[in-house]
Amino acid sequence: TVSAVCFVFVWSIILASYIAFRRRRPHLHNASKFKMP
């Protein structure tokens, strides 16, 4: 249970980073060949 909670935190940080990436690096997102659906 402790592990699962901490993994949810890590997964959430990945998603939060993606939001920041889309906002700050739109040119890299547009050039990406592996966009998140």
PDB file of all heavy atoms in Angstrom:
ATOM      1  N   THR A   1       0.829  -1.207   0.000  1.00  0.00           N
ATOM      2  CA  THR A   1       0.000   0.000   0.000  1.00  0.00           C
ATOM      3  C   THR A   1       0.862   1.255   0.000  1.00  0.00           C
ATOM      4  O   THR A   1       0.616   2.200  -0.761  1.00  0.00           O
ATOM      5  CB  THR A   1      -0.945   0.012   1.210  1.00  0.00           C
ATOM      6  OG1 THR A   1      -1.755  -1.160   1.189  1.00  0.00           O
ATOM      7  CG2 THR A   1      -1.847   1.234   1.186  1.00  0.00           C
ATOM      8  N   VAL A   2       1.888   1.284   0.859  1.00  0.00           N
ATOM      9  CA  VAL A   2       2.801   2.432   0.895  1.00  0.00           C
ATOM     10  C   VAL A   2       3.461   2.611  -0.468  1.00  0.00           C
ATOM     11  O   VAL A   2       3.563   3.727  -1.001  1.00  0.00           O
ATOM     12  CB  VAL A   2       3.876   2.247   1.995  1.00  0.00           C
ATOM     13  CG1 VAL A   2       4.927   3.350   1.910  1.00  0.00           C
ATOM     14  CG2 VAL A   2       3.232   2.253   3.372  1.00  0.00           C
ATOM     15  N   SER A   3       3.886   1.497  -1.063  1.00  0.00           N
ATOM     16  CA  SER A   3       4.526   1.555  -2.380  1.00  0.00           C
ATOM     17  C   SER A   3       3.568   2.093  -3.432  1.00  0.00           C
ATOM     18  O   SER A   3       3.941   2.941  -4.254  1.00  0.00           O
ATOM     19  CB  SER A   3       5.013   0.154  -2.765  1.00  0.00           C
ATOM     20  OG  SER A   3       5.555   0.149  -4.067  1.00  0.00           O
ATOM     21  N   ALA A   4       2.325   1.606  -3.423  1.00  0.00           N
ATOM     22  CA  ALA A   4       1.343   2.043  -4.416  1.00  0.00           C
ATOM     23  C   ALA A   4       1.094   3.548  -4.319  1.00  0.00           C
ATOM     24  O   ALA A   4       1.014   4.235  -5.346  1.00  0.00           O
ATOM     25  CB  ALA A   4       0.036   1.279  -4.234  1.00  0.00           C
ATOM     26  N   VAL A   5       0.980   4.077  -3.103  1.00  0.00           N
ATOM     27  CA  VAL A   5       0.748   5.515  -2.913  1.00  0.00           C
ATOM     28  C   VAL A   5       1.919   6.320  -3.488  1.00  0.00           C
ATOM     29  O   VAL A   5       1.728   7.325  -4.183  1.00  0.00           O
ATOM     30  CB  VAL A   5       0.547   5.849  -1.418  1.00  0.00           C
ATOM     31  CG1 VAL A   5       0.484   7.358  -1.211  1.00  0.00           C
ATOM     32  CG2 VAL A   5      -0.729   5.206  -0.899  1.00  0.00           C
ATOM     33  N   CYS A   6       3.147   5.863  -3.222  1.00  0.00           N
ATOM     34  CA  CYS A   6       4.314   6.586  -3.712  1.00  0.00           C
ATOM     35  C   CYS A   6       4.431   6.498  -5.234  1.00  0.00           C
ATOM     36  O   CYS A   6       4.842   7.455  -5.894  1.00  0.00           O
ATOM     37  CB  CYS A   6       5.581   6.040  -3.049  1.00  0.00           C
ATOM     38  SG  CYS A   6       5.711   6.454  -1.302  1.00  0.00           S
ATOM     39  N   PHE A   7       4.067   5.353  -5.795  1.00  0.00           N
ATOM     40  CA  PHE A   7       4.082   5.235  -7.256  1.00  0.00           C
ATOM     41  C   PHE A   7       3.043   6.158  -7.884  1.00  0.00           C
ATOM     42  O   PHE A   7       3.286   6.740  -8.952  1.00  0.00           O
ATOM     43  CB  PHE A   7       3.841   3.791  -7.694  1.00  0.00           C
ATOM     44  CG  PHE A   7       5.096   2.983  -7.842  1.00  0.00           C
ATOM     45  CD1 PHE A   7       5.469   2.065  -6.875  1.00  0.00           C
ATOM     46  CD2 PHE A   7       5.913   3.155  -8.937  1.00  0.00           C
ATOM     47  CE1 PHE A   7       6.630   1.314  -7.016  1.00  0.00           C
ATOM     48  CE2 PHE A   7       7.079   2.419  -9.096  1.00  0.00           C
ATOM     49  CZ  PHE A   7       7.440   1.495  -8.123  1.00  0.00           C
ATOM     50  N   VAL A   8       1.882   6.305  -7.261  1.00  0.00           N
ATOM     51  CA  VAL A   8       0.864   7.232  -7.772  1.00  0.00           C
ATOM     52  C   VAL A   8       1.427   8.650  -7.798  1.00  0.00           C
ATOM     53  O   VAL A   8       1.186   9.420  -8.736  1.00  0.00           O
ATOM     54  CB  VAL A   8      -0.420   7.159  -6.916  1.00  0.00           C
ATOM     55  CG1 VAL A   8      -1.346   8.325  -7.237  1.00  0.00           C
ATOM     56  CG2 VAL A   8      -1.151   5.840  -7.165  1.00  0.00           C
ATOM     57  N   PHE A   9       2.224   9.006  -6.780  1.00  0.00           N
ATOM     58  CA  PHE A   9       2.870  10.322  -6.755  1.00  0.00           C
ATOM     59  C   PHE A   9       3.809  10.481  -7.949  1.00  0.00           C
ATOM     60  O   PHE A   9       3.792  11.501  -8.655  1.00  0.00           O
ATOM     61  CB  PHE A   9       3.650  10.504  -5.447  1.00  0.00           C
ATOM     62  CG  PHE A   9       4.537  11.725  -5.436  1.00  0.00           C
ATOM     63  CD1 PHE A   9       4.006  12.976  -5.169  1.00  0.00           C
ATOM     64  CD2 PHE A   9       5.891  11.619  -5.703  1.00  0.00           C
ATOM     65  CE1 PHE A   9       4.819  14.113  -5.174  1.00  0.00           C
ATOM     66  CE2 PHE A   9       6.719  12.732  -5.701  1.00  0.00           C
ATOM     67  CZ  PHE A   9       6.176  13.983  -5.440  1.00  0.00           C
ATOM     68  N   VAL A  10       4.645   9.459  -8.198  1.00  0.00           N
ATOM     69  CA  VAL A  10       5.597   9.525  -9.313  1.00  0.00           C
ATOM     70  C   VAL A  10       4.861   9.622 -10.644  1.00  0.00           C
ATOM     71  O   VAL A  10       5.211  10.438 -11.509  1.00  0.00           O
ATOM     72  CB  VAL A  10       6.530   8.295  -9.293  1.00  0.00           C
ATOM     73  CG1 VAL A  10       7.381   8.235 -10.557  1.00  0.00           C
ATOM     74  CG2 VAL A  10       7.428   8.321  -8.061  1.00  0.00           C
ATOM     75  N   TRP A  11       3.828   8.803 -10.818  1.00  0.00           N
ATOM     76  CA  TRP A  11       3.047   8.857 -12.065  1.00  0.00           C
ATOM     77  C   TRP A  11       2.408  10.229 -12.249  1.00  0.00           C
ATOM     78  O   TRP A  11       2.319  10.740 -13.366  1.00  0.00           O
ATOM     79  CB  TRP A  11       1.977   7.765 -12.059  1.00  0.00           C
ATOM     80  CG  TRP A  11       2.525   6.364 -12.039  1.00  0.00           C
ATOM     81  CD1 TRP A  11       3.742   5.952 -12.523  1.00  0.00           C
ATOM     82  CD2 TRP A  11       1.891   5.193 -11.519  1.00  0.00           C
ATOM     83  NE1 TRP A  11       3.900   4.601 -12.326  1.00  0.00           N
ATOM     84  CE2 TRP A  11       2.789   4.106 -11.717  1.00  0.00           C
ATOM     85  CE3 TRP A  11       0.666   4.946 -10.897  1.00  0.00           C
ATOM     86  CZ2 TRP A  11       2.476   2.806 -11.308  1.00  0.00           C
ATOM     87  CZ3 TRP A  11       0.356   3.641 -10.497  1.00  0.00           C
ATOM     88  CH2 TRP A  11       1.259   2.591 -10.703  1.00  0.00           C
ATOM     89  N   SER A  12       1.956  10.835 -11.141  1.00  0.00           N
ATOM     90  CA  SER A  12       1.336  12.166 -11.203  1.00  0.00           C
ATOM     91  C   SER A  12       2.348  13.226 -11.603  1.00  0.00           C
ATOM     92  O   SER A  12       2.026  14.157 -12.367  1.00  0.00           O
ATOM     93  CB  SER A  12       0.706  12.519  -9.854  1.00  0.00           C
ATOM     94  OG  SER A  12      -0.320  11.614  -9.515  1.00  0.00           O
ATOM     95  N   ILE A  13       3.585  13.107 -11.110  1.00  0.00           N
ATOM     96  CA  ILE A  13       4.637  14.050 -11.487  1.00  0.00           C
ATOM     97  C   ILE A  13       4.941  13.946 -12.977  1.00  0.00           C
ATOM     98  O   ILE A  13       5.173  14.960 -13.661  1.00  0.00           O
ATOM     99  CB  ILE A  13       5.917  13.801 -10.659  1.00  0.00           C
ATOM    100  CG1 ILE A  13       5.712  14.262  -9.209  1.00  0.00           C
ATOM    101  CG2 ILE A  13       7.115  14.523 -11.267  1.00  0.00           C
ATOM    102  CD1 ILE A  13       5.634  15.765  -9.019  1.00  0.00           C
ATOM    103  N   ILE A  14       4.920  12.728 -13.515  1.00  0.00           N
ATOM    104  CA  ILE A  14       5.132  12.548 -14.957  1.00  0.00           C
ATOM    105  C   ILE A  14       4.068  13.314 -15.745  1.00  0.00           C
ATOM    106  O   ILE A  14       4.373  14.015 -16.715  1.00  0.00           O
ATOM    107  CB  ILE A  14       5.110  11.049 -15.320  1.00  0.00           C
ATOM    108  CG1 ILE A  14       6.342  10.340 -14.751  1.00  0.00           C
ATOM    109  CG2 ILE A  14       5.056  10.858 -16.845  1.00  0.00           C
ATOM    110  CD1 ILE A  14       6.314   8.830 -14.899  1.00  0.00           C
ATOM    111  N   LEU A  15       2.810  13.197 -15.301  1.00  0.00           N
ATOM    112  CA  LEU A  15       1.718  13.891 -15.990  1.00  0.00           C
ATOM    113  C   LEU A  15       1.812  15.406 -15.823  1.00  0.00           C
ATOM    114  O   LEU A  15       1.553  16.164 -16.770  1.00  0.00           O
ATOM    115  CB  LEU A  15       0.372  13.384 -15.473  1.00  0.00           C
ATOM    116  CG  LEU A  15       0.040  11.921 -15.782  1.00  0.00           C
ATOM    117  CD1 LEU A  15      -1.292  11.536 -15.141  1.00  0.00           C
ATOM    118  CD2 LEU A  15      -0.011  11.675 -17.291  1.00  0.00           C
ATOM    119  N   ALA A  16       2.183  15.858 -14.616  1.00  0.00           N
ATOM    120  CA  ALA A  16       2.344  17.295 -14.389  1.00  0.00           C
ATOM    121  C   ALA A  16       3.470  17.853 -15.263  1.00  0.00           C
ATOM    122  O   ALA A  16       3.374  18.971 -15.790  1.00  0.00           O
ATOM    123  CB  ALA A  16       2.632  17.567 -12.915  1.00  0.00           C
ATOM    124  N   SER A  17       4.523  17.059 -15.433  1.00  0.00           N
ATOM    125  CA  SER A  17       5.629  17.475 -16.301  1.00  0.00           C
ATOM    126  C   SER A  17       5.162  17.583 -17.748  1.00  0.00           C
ATOM    127  O   SER A  17       5.592  18.478 -18.492  1.00  0.00           O
ATOM    128  CB  SER A  17       6.783  16.472 -16.208  1.00  0.00           C
ATOM    129  OG  SER A  17       7.274  16.381 -14.891  1.00  0.00           O
ATOM    130  N   TYR A  18       4.270  16.677 -18.141  1.00  0.00           N
ATOM    131  CA  TYR A  18       3.749  16.717 -19.509  1.00  0.00           C
ATOM    132  C   TYR A  18       2.948  18.002 -19.743  1.00  0.00           C
ATOM    133  O   TYR A  18       3.065  18.641 -20.798  1.00  0.00           O
ATOM    134  CB  TYR A  18       2.876  15.496 -19.771  1.00  0.00           C
ATOM    135  CG  TYR A  18       2.247  15.495 -21.143  1.00  0.00           C
ATOM    136  CD1 TYR A  18       2.980  15.132 -22.260  1.00  0.00           C
ATOM    137  CD2 TYR A  18       0.914  15.895 -21.323  1.00  0.00           C
ATOM    138  CE1 TYR A  18       2.417  15.139 -23.536  1.00  0.00           C
ATOM    139  CE2 TYR A  18       0.342  15.911 -22.588  1.00  0.00           C
ATOM    140  CZ  TYR A  18       1.098  15.534 -23.685  1.00  0.00           C
ATOM    141  OH  TYR A  18       0.538  15.566 -24.938  1.00  0.00           O
ATOM    142  N   ILE A  19       2.144  18.400 -18.757  1.00  0.00           N
ATOM    143  CA  ILE A  19       1.381  19.648 -18.878  1.00  0.00           C
ATOM    144  C   ILE A  19       2.325  20.838 -19.044  1.00  0.00           C
ATOM    145  O   ILE A  19       2.127  21.714 -19.900  1.00  0.00           O
ATOM    146  CB  ILE A  19       0.468  19.846 -17.653  1.00  0.00           C
ATOM    147  CG1 ILE A  19      -0.647  18.778 -17.635  1.00  0.00           C
ATOM    148  CG2 ILE A  19      -0.142  21.240 -17.646  1.00  0.00           C
ATOM    149  CD1 ILE A  19      -1.517  18.823 -16.400  1.00  0.00           C
ATOM    150  N   ALA A  20       3.391  20.872 -18.223  1.00  0.00           N
ATOM    151  CA  ALA A  20       4.371  21.955 -18.316  1.00  0.00           C
ATOM    152  C   ALA A  20       5.094  21.919 -19.667  1.00  0.00           C
ATOM    153  O   ALA A  20       5.388  22.964 -20.259  1.00  0.00           O
ATOM    154  CB  ALA A  20       5.383  21.840 -17.173  1.00  0.00           C
ATOM    155  N   PHE A  21       5.380  20.721 -20.146  1.00  0.00           N
ATOM    156  CA  PHE A  21       6.045  20.551 -21.445  1.00  0.00           C
ATOM    157  C   PHE A  21       5.195  21.124 -22.571  1.00  0.00           C
ATOM    158  O   PHE A  21       5.701  21.844 -23.443  1.00  0.00           O
ATOM    159  CB  PHE A  21       6.296  19.052 -21.659  1.00  0.00           C
ATOM    160  CG  PHE A  21       6.756  18.689 -23.046  1.00  0.00           C
ATOM    161  CD1 PHE A  21       8.048  18.962 -23.459  1.00  0.00           C
ATOM    162  CD2 PHE A  21       5.894  18.040 -23.929  1.00  0.00           C
ATOM    163  CE1 PHE A  21       8.480  18.605 -24.743  1.00  0.00           C
ATOM    164  CE2 PHE A  21       6.314  17.675 -25.201  1.00  0.00           C
ATOM    165  CZ  PHE A  21       7.609  17.967 -25.606  1.00  0.00           C
ATOM    166  N   ARG A  22       3.907  20.828 -22.556  1.00  0.00           N
ATOM    167  CA  ARG A  22       3.011  21.340 -23.592  1.00  0.00           C
ATOM    168  C   ARG A  22       2.929  22.865 -23.552  1.00  0.00           C
ATOM    169  O   ARG A  22       2.794  23.513 -24.597  1.00  0.00           O
ATOM    170  CB  ARG A  22       1.620  20.725 -23.427  1.00  0.00           C
ATOM    171  CG  ARG A  22       1.536  19.245 -23.771  1.00  0.00           C
ATOM    172  CD  ARG A  22       1.661  19.012 -25.271  1.00  0.00           C
ATOM    173  NE  ARG A  22       0.632  19.706 -26.005  1.00  0.00           N
ATOM    174  CZ  ARG A  22      -0.581  19.205 -26.264  1.00  0.00           C
ATOM    175  NH1 ARG A  22      -0.884  17.969 -25.862  1.00  0.00           N
ATOM    176  NH2 ARG A  22      -1.462  19.890 -26.940  1.00  0.00           N
ATOM    177  N   ARG A  23       3.015  23.429 -22.366  1.00  0.00           N
ATOM    178  CA  ARG A  23       2.917  24.879 -22.214  1.00  0.00           C
ATOM    179  C   ARG A  23       4.228  25.583 -22.592  1.00  0.00           C
ATOM    180  O   ARG A  23       4.211  26.616 -23.267  1.00  0.00           O
ATOM    181  CB  ARG A  23       2.548  25.225 -20.768  1.00  0.00           C
ATOM    182  CG  ARG A  23       2.301  26.721 -20.552  1.00  0.00           C
ATOM    183  CD  ARG A  23       1.901  27.027 -19.126  1.00  0.00           C
ATOM    184  NE  ARG A  23       2.975  26.775 -18.174  1.00  0.00           N
ATOM    185  CZ  ARG A  23       2.991  25.775 -17.298  1.00  0.00           C
ATOM    186  NH1 ARG A  23       1.986  24.916 -17.247  1.00  0.00           N
ATOM    187  NH2 ARG A  23       4.005  25.607 -16.486  1.00  0.00           N
ATOM    188  N   ARG A  24       5.367  25.002 -22.206  1.00  0.00           N
ATOM    189  CA  ARG A  24       6.662  25.671 -22.371  1.00  0.00           C
ATOM    190  C   ARG A  24       7.395  25.263 -23.645  1.00  0.00           C
ATOM    191  O   ARG A  24       8.222  26.026 -24.142  1.00  0.00           O
ATOM    192  CB  ARG A  24       7.551  25.367 -21.156  1.00  0.00           C
ATOM    193  CG  ARG A  24       7.019  25.945 -19.852  1.00  0.00           C
ATOM    194  CD  ARG A  24       7.888  25.518 -18.682  1.00  0.00           C
ATOM    195  NE  ARG A  24       9.288  25.852 -18.886  1.00  0.00           N
ATOM    196  CZ  ARG A  24      10.268  25.456 -18.084  1.00  0.00           C
ATOM    197  NH1 ARG A  24       9.991  24.702 -17.030  1.00  0.00           N
ATOM    198  NH2 ARG A  24      11.508  25.805 -18.325  1.00  0.00           N
ATOM    199  N   ARG A  25       7.131  24.078 -24.167  1.00  0.00           N
ATOM    200  CA  ARG A  25       7.873  23.599 -25.344  1.00  0.00           C
ATOM    201  C   ARG A  25       6.906  23.134 -26.441  1.00  0.00           C
ATOM    202  O   ARG A  25       6.979  21.984 -26.889  1.00  0.00           O
ATOM    203  CB  ARG A  25       8.789  22.439 -24.959  1.00  0.00           C
ATOM    204  CG  ARG A  25       9.595  22.653 -23.683  1.00  0.00           C
ATOM    205  CD  ARG A  25      10.927  23.317 -23.952  1.00  0.00           C
ATOM    206  NE  ARG A  25      11.539  23.771 -22.707  1.00  0.00           N
ATOM    207  CZ  ARG A  25      12.214  22.982 -21.864  1.00  0.00           C
ATOM    208  NH1 ARG A  25      12.359  21.700 -22.142  1.00  0.00           N
ATOM    209  NH2 ARG A  25      12.738  23.479 -20.759  1.00  0.00           N
ATOM    210  N   PRO A  26       5.997  23.977 -26.876  1.00  0.00           N
ATOM    211  CA  PRO A  26       5.028  23.542 -27.900  1.00  0.00           C
ATOM    212  C   PRO A  26       5.693  23.109 -29.207  1.00  0.00           C
ATOM    213  O   PRO A  26       5.189  22.237 -29.906  1.00  0.00           O
ATOM    214  CB  PRO A  26       4.141  24.777 -28.108  1.00  0.00           C
ATOM    215  CG  PRO A  26       4.963  25.923 -27.624  1.00  0.00           C
ATOM    216  CD  PRO A  26       5.799  25.392 -26.509  1.00  0.00           C
ATOM    217  N   HIS A  27       6.852  23.715 -29.531  1.00  0.00           N
ATOM    218  CA  HIS A  27       7.551  23.353 -30.764  1.00  0.00           C
ATOM    219  C   HIS A  27       8.059  21.912 -30.719  1.00  0.00           C
ATOM    220  O   HIS A  27       8.053  21.200 -31.722  1.00  0.00           O
ATOM    221  CB  HIS A  27       8.706  24.320 -31.019  1.00  0.00           C
ATOM    222  CG  HIS A  27       9.719  24.362 -29.916  1.00  0.00           C
ATOM    223  ND1 HIS A  27       9.479  24.988 -28.703  1.00  0.00           N
ATOM    224  CD2 HIS A  27      10.973  23.836 -29.823  1.00  0.00           C
ATOM    225  CE1 HIS A  27      10.535  24.860 -27.916  1.00  0.00           C
ATOM    226  NE2 HIS A  27      11.455  24.159 -28.574  1.00  0.00           N
ATOM    227  N   LEU A  28       8.503  21.470 -29.514  1.00  0.00           N
ATOM    228  CA  LEU A  28       8.974  20.083 -29.380  1.00  0.00           C
ATOM    229  C   LEU A  28       7.810  19.100 -29.460  1.00  0.00           C
ATOM    230  O   LEU A  28       7.944  18.010 -30.017  1.00  0.00           O
ATOM    231  CB  LEU A  28       9.728  19.907 -28.060  1.00  0.00           C
ATOM    232  CG  LEU A  28      11.076  20.617 -27.943  1.00  0.00           C
ATOM    233  CD1 LEU A  28      11.709  20.338 -26.585  1.00  0.00           C
ATOM    234  CD2 LEU A  28      12.025  20.170 -29.053  1.00  0.00           C
ATOM    235  N   HIS A  29       6.661  19.501 -28.894  1.00  0.00           N
ATOM    236  CA  HIS A  29       5.485  18.642 -28.979  1.00  0.00           C
ATOM    237  C   HIS A  29       5.050  18.494 -30.439  1.00  0.00           C
ATOM    238  O   HIS A  29       4.740  17.390 -30.899  1.00  0.00           O
ATOM    239  CB  HIS A  29       4.345  19.216 -28.148  1.00  0.00           C
ATOM    240  CG  HIS A  29       3.030  18.541 -28.396  1.00  0.00           C
ATOM    241  ND1 HIS A  29       2.758  17.249 -27.987  1.00  0.00           N
ATOM    242  CD2 HIS A  29       1.908  18.974 -29.055  1.00  0.00           C
ATOM    243  CE1 HIS A  29       1.530  16.915 -28.356  1.00  0.00           C
ATOM    244  NE2 HIS A  29       0.994  17.942 -29.003  1.00  0.00           N
ATOM    245  N   ASN A  30       5.046  19.604 -31.172  1.00  0.00           N
ATOM    246  CA  ASN A  30       4.622  19.562 -32.572  1.00  0.00           C
ATOM    247  C   ASN A  30       5.566  18.702 -33.418  1.00  0.00           C
ATOM    248  O   ASN A  30       5.141  18.062 -34.382  1.00  0.00           O
ATOM    249  CB  ASN A  30       4.553  20.975 -33.145  1.00  0.00           C
ATOM    250  CG  ASN A  30       3.441  21.804 -32.516  1.00  0.00           C
ATOM    251  OD1 ASN A  30       2.433  21.257 -32.065  1.00  0.00           O
ATOM    252  ND2 ASN A  30       3.629  23.120 -32.443  1.00  0.00           N
ATOM    253  N   ALA A  31       6.861  18.697 -33.037  1.00  0.00           N
ATOM    254  CA  ALA A  31       7.846  17.932 -33.799  1.00  0.00           C
ATOM    255  C   ALA A  31       7.917  16.466 -33.375  1.00  0.00           C
ATOM    256  O   ALA A  31       8.557  15.664 -34.057  1.00  0.00           O
ATOM    257  CB  ALA A  31       9.225  18.567 -33.644  1.00  0.00           C
ATOM    258  N   SER A  32       7.253  16.136 -32.273  1.00  0.00           N
ATOM    259  CA  SER A  32       7.348  14.773 -31.732  1.00  0.00           C
ATOM    260  C   SER A  32       6.706  13.746 -32.665  1.00  0.00           C
ATOM    261  O   SER A  32       5.645  13.985 -33.244  1.00  0.00           O
ATOM    262  CB  SER A  32       6.672  14.701 -30.362  1.00  0.00           C
ATOM    263  OG  SER A  32       6.647  13.371 -29.885  1.00  0.00           O
ATOM    264  N   LYS A  33       7.367  12.603 -32.805  1.00  0.00           N
ATOM    265  CA  LYS A  33       6.817  11.482 -33.575  1.00  0.00           C
ATOM    266  C   LYS A  33       6.108  10.484 -32.670  1.00  0.00           C
ATOM    267  O   LYS A  33       5.630   9.452 -33.131  1.00  0.00           O
ATOM    268  CB  LYS A  33       7.939  10.776 -34.341  1.00  0.00           C
ATOM    269  CG  LYS A  33       8.610  11.654 -35.390  1.00  0.00           C
ATOM    270  CD  LYS A  33       9.728  10.895 -36.097  1.00  0.00           C
ATOM    271  CE  LYS A  33      10.396  11.767 -37.139  1.00  0.00           C
ATOM    272  NZ  LYS A  33      11.525  11.051 -37.810  1.00  0.00           N
ATOM    273  N   PHE A  34       6.080  10.779 -31.362  1.00  0.00           N
ATOM    274  CA  PHE A  34       5.481   9.853 -30.397  1.00  0.00           C
ATOM    275  C   PHE A  34       4.603  10.647 -29.424  1.00  0.00           C
ATOM    276  O   PHE A  34       4.835  10.677 -28.221  1.00  0.00           O
ATOM    277  CB  PHE A  34       6.589   9.091 -29.657  1.00  0.00           C
ATOM    278  CG  PHE A  34       6.100   7.895 -28.881  1.00  0.00           C
ATOM    279  CD1 PHE A  34       5.412   6.865 -29.499  1.00  0.00           C
ATOM    280  CD2 PHE A  34       6.340   7.804 -27.521  1.00  0.00           C
ATOM    281  CE1 PHE A  34       4.973   5.765 -28.770  1.00  0.00           C
ATOM    282  CE2 PHE A  34       5.911   6.700 -26.782  1.00  0.00           C
ATOM    283  CZ  PHE A  34       5.222   5.685 -27.413  1.00  0.00           C
ATOM    284  N   LYS A  35       3.594  11.323 -29.976  1.00  0.00           N
ATOM    285  CA  LYS A  35       2.728  12.170 -29.171  1.00  0.00           C
ATOM    286  C   LYS A  35       1.794  11.335 -28.279  1.00  0.00           C
ATOM    287  O   LYS A  35       1.332  10.266 -28.679  1.00  0.00           O
ATOM    288  CB  LYS A  35       1.871  13.068 -30.076  1.00  0.00           C
ATOM    289  CG  LYS A  35       2.643  14.132 -30.842  1.00  0.00           C
ATOM    290  CD  LYS A  35       1.691  15.015 -31.630  1.00  0.00           C
ATOM    291  CE  LYS A  35       2.413  16.155 -32.330  1.00  0.00           C
ATOM    292  NZ  LYS A  35       3.275  15.678 -33.429  1.00  0.00           N
ATOM    293  N   MET A  36       1.523  11.874 -27.094  1.00  0.00           N
ATOM    294  CA  MET A  36       0.578  11.204 -26.195  1.00  0.00           C
ATOM    295  C   MET A  36      -0.839  11.371 -26.733  1.00  0.00           C
ATOM    296  O   MET A  36      -1.290  12.490 -26.968  1.00  0.00           O
ATOM    297  CB  MET A  36       0.659  11.809 -24.793  1.00  0.00           C
ATOM    298  CG  MET A  36      -0.414  11.291 -23.858  1.00  0.00           C
ATOM    299  SD  MET A  36      -0.493  12.232 -22.321  1.00  0.00           S
ATOM    300  CE  MET A  36      -2.059  11.664 -21.652  1.00  0.00           C
ATOM    301  N   PRO A  37      -1.576  10.284 -26.944  1.00  0.00           N
ATOM    302  CA  PRO A  37      -2.965  10.419 -27.422  1.00  0.00           C
ATOM    303  C   PRO A  37      -3.852  11.031 -26.352  1.00  0.00           C
ATOM    304  O   PRO A  37      -3.682  10.771 -25.167  1.00  0.00           O
ATOM    305  CB  PRO A  37      -3.369   8.963 -27.720  1.00  0.00           C
ATOM    306  CG  PRO A  37      -2.449   8.123 -26.919  1.00  0.00           C
ATOM    307  CD  PRO A  37      -1.168   8.886 -26.774  1.00  0.00           C
TER     308      PRO A  37
END
